[in-house]
Amino acid sequence: MSTQMEMPKYQCHKQVWALKIKAIEPNTEKSVKLVVEEEGYEPLVVGQRFVKKHQPEVGGYFVVYEDGYKSYSPAAAFESGYTAL
């Protein structure tokens, strides 16, 4: 019988910049546009490399960390871990 220890838990305390994705549209052969829900922002153009790595979906969030790293977070994970400042 194998006893597996529970992994250590961590709580997030980072501040990030994020925009909620309203639509994903083709842009060029190598990029897509992420249309965001927030008013006043142009669609974000991301390459196929970003799409392949992060697999963004409508309703999720385009996230930028303090060090400039760009990522994607599903809505449920983002909304349960972050509060607007």
C-alpha atoms as a PDB file:
ATOM      1  CA  MET A   1       0.000   0.000   0.000  1.00  0.00           C
ATOM      2  CA  SER A   2       1.378   3.392  -1.016  1.00  0.00           C
ATOM      3  CA  THR A   3       0.945   6.432   1.202  1.00  0.00           C
ATOM      4  CA  GLN A   4       1.146   9.659  -0.719  1.00  0.00           C
ATOM      5  CA  MET A   5       1.858  12.831   1.226  1.00  0.00           C
ATOM      6  CA  GLU A   6      -0.236  15.880   0.459  1.00  0.00           C
ATOM      7  CA  MET A   7       1.731  18.529  -1.397  1.00  0.00           C
ATOM      8  CA  PRO A   8       2.437  21.825   0.411  1.00  0.00           C
ATOM      9  CA  LYS A   9      -0.233  24.520  -0.068  1.00  0.00           C
ATOM     10  CA  TYR A  10       0.509  28.092  -1.148  1.00  0.00           C
ATOM     11  CA  GLN A  11      -1.562  31.267  -1.107  1.00  0.00           C
ATOM     12  CA  CYS A  12      -1.166  33.882  -3.822  1.00  0.00           C
ATOM     13  CA  HIS A  13      -0.353  37.455  -2.881  1.00  0.00           C
ATOM     14  CA  LYS A  14       0.819  38.780  -6.253  1.00  0.00           C
ATOM     15  CA  GLN A  15      -0.510  41.849  -7.982  1.00  0.00           C
ATOM     16  CA  VAL A  16      -1.108  41.399 -11.688  1.00  0.00           C
ATOM     17  CA  TRP A  17      -2.654  43.273 -14.578  1.00  0.00           C
ATOM     18  CA  ALA A  18      -5.445  41.436 -16.360  1.00  0.00           C
ATOM     19  CA  LEU A  19      -8.166  41.808 -18.964  1.00  0.00           C
ATOM     20  CA  LYS A  20     -11.136  39.470 -19.436  1.00  0.00           C
ATOM     21  CA  ILE A  21     -11.333  37.861 -22.880  1.00  0.00           C
ATOM     22  CA  LYS A  22     -14.653  38.504 -24.673  1.00  0.00           C
ATOM     23  CA  ALA A  23     -13.771  36.976 -28.054  1.00  0.00           C
ATOM     24  CA  ILE A  24     -10.882  35.350 -29.879  1.00  0.00           C
ATOM     25  CA  GLU A  25     -10.590  36.287 -33.552  1.00  0.00           C
ATOM     26  CA  PRO A  26      -8.180  35.286 -36.311  1.00  0.00           C
ATOM     27  CA  ASN A  27      -5.660  38.002 -37.133  1.00  0.00           C
ATOM     28  CA  THR A  28      -2.964  36.593 -39.389  1.00  0.00           C
ATOM     29  CA  GLU A  29      -1.675  33.119 -40.126  1.00  0.00           C
ATOM     30  CA  LYS A  30       0.611  33.442 -37.093  1.00  0.00           C
ATOM     31  CA  SER A  31      -1.509  35.425 -34.618  1.00  0.00           C
ATOM     32  CA  VAL A  32      -4.961  35.927 -33.108  1.00  0.00           C
ATOM     33  CA  LYS A  33      -6.727  38.899 -31.531  1.00  0.00           C
ATOM     34  CA  LEU A  34      -8.018  38.698 -27.986  1.00  0.00           C
ATOM     35  CA  VAL A  35     -10.976  41.081 -27.792  1.00  0.00           C
ATOM     36  CA  VAL A  36     -11.439  42.166 -24.170  1.00  0.00           C
ATOM     37  CA  GLU A  37     -14.542  43.067 -22.171  1.00  0.00           C
ATOM     38  CA  GLU A  38     -13.109  46.186 -20.557  1.00  0.00           C
ATOM     39  CA  GLU A  39     -13.940  49.422 -22.398  1.00  0.00           C
ATOM     40  CA  GLY A  40     -11.177  51.497 -23.958  1.00  0.00           C
ATOM     41  CA  TYR A  41      -8.739  48.685 -24.753  1.00  0.00           C
ATOM     42  CA  GLU A  42      -7.797  47.640 -28.260  1.00  0.00           C
ATOM     43  CA  PRO A  43      -7.764  43.895 -28.989  1.00  0.00           C
ATOM     44  CA  LEU A  44      -4.536  42.226 -27.867  1.00  0.00           C
ATOM     45  CA  VAL A  45      -2.598  40.464 -30.617  1.00  0.00           C
ATOM     46  CA  VAL A  46      -0.861  37.274 -29.480  1.00  0.00           C
ATOM     47  CA  GLY A  47       1.119  34.779 -31.521  1.00  0.00           C
ATOM     48  CA  GLN A  48       0.405  31.116 -32.126  1.00  0.00           C
ATOM     49  CA  ARG A  49       3.150  30.251 -29.633  1.00  0.00           C
ATOM     50  CA  PHE A  50       1.128  31.961 -26.845  1.00  0.00           C
ATOM     51  CA  VAL A  51      -2.063  30.229 -28.017  1.00  0.00           C
ATOM     52  CA  LYS A  52      -0.431  26.800 -28.155  1.00  0.00           C
ATOM     53  CA  LYS A  53       1.168  27.181 -24.715  1.00  0.00           C
ATOM     54  CA  HIS A  54      -1.716  28.805 -22.805  1.00  0.00           C
ATOM     55  CA  GLN A  55      -4.820  27.746 -24.791  1.00  0.00           C
ATOM     56  CA  PRO A  56      -6.848  30.879 -23.972  1.00  0.00           C
ATOM     57  CA  GLU A  57     -10.635  30.666 -23.960  1.00  0.00           C
ATOM     58  CA  VAL A  58     -13.423  33.224 -24.026  1.00  0.00           C
ATOM     59  CA  GLY A  59     -14.287  34.234 -20.466  1.00  0.00           C
ATOM     60  CA  GLY A  60     -10.763  33.709 -19.154  1.00  0.00           C
ATOM     61  CA  TYR A  61      -8.144  36.361 -18.463  1.00  0.00           C
ATOM     62  CA  PHE A  62      -5.045  37.615 -20.252  1.00  0.00           C
ATOM     63  CA  VAL A  63      -2.625  38.221 -17.364  1.00  0.00           C
ATOM     64  CA  VAL A  64       0.617  40.195 -17.128  1.00  0.00           C
ATOM     65  CA  TYR A  65       2.863  39.703 -14.091  1.00  0.00           C
ATOM     66  CA  GLU A  66       5.180  42.324 -12.535  1.00  0.00           C
ATOM     67  CA  ASP A  67       8.181  40.918 -14.426  1.00  0.00           C
ATOM     68  CA  GLY A  68       6.329  41.337 -17.742  1.00  0.00           C
ATOM     69  CA  TYR A  69       5.496  37.632 -18.202  1.00  0.00           C
ATOM     70  CA  LYS A  70       2.254  37.242 -20.161  1.00  0.00           C
ATOM     71  CA  SER A  71      -0.056  34.346 -19.404  1.00  0.00           C
ATOM     72  CA  TYR A  72      -3.649  33.160 -19.423  1.00  0.00           C
ATOM     73  CA  SER A  73      -5.850  32.142 -16.502  1.00  0.00           C
ATOM     74  CA  PRO A  74      -9.220  30.374 -16.700  1.00  0.00           C
ATOM     75  CA  ALA A  75     -12.029  32.499 -15.238  1.00  0.00           C
ATOM     76  CA  ALA A  76     -12.755  30.301 -12.209  1.00  0.00           C
ATOM     77  CA  ALA A  77      -9.119  30.124 -11.113  1.00  0.00           C
ATOM     78  CA  PHE A  78      -8.539  33.850 -11.650  1.00  0.00           C
ATOM     79  CA  GLU A  79     -11.753  35.053 -10.007  1.00  0.00           C
ATOM     80  CA  SER A  80     -11.259  32.832  -6.958  1.00  0.00           C
ATOM     81  CA  GLY A  81      -7.689  34.037  -6.455  1.00  0.00           C
ATOM     82  CA  TYR A  82      -7.708  37.740  -7.370  1.00  0.00           C
ATOM     83  CA  THR A  83      -9.736  40.794  -6.335  1.00  0.00           C
ATOM     84  CA  ALA A  84      -9.777  44.041  -8.341  1.00  0.00           C
ATOM     85  CA  LEU A  85      -7.865  46.886  -6.679  1.00  0.00           C
END
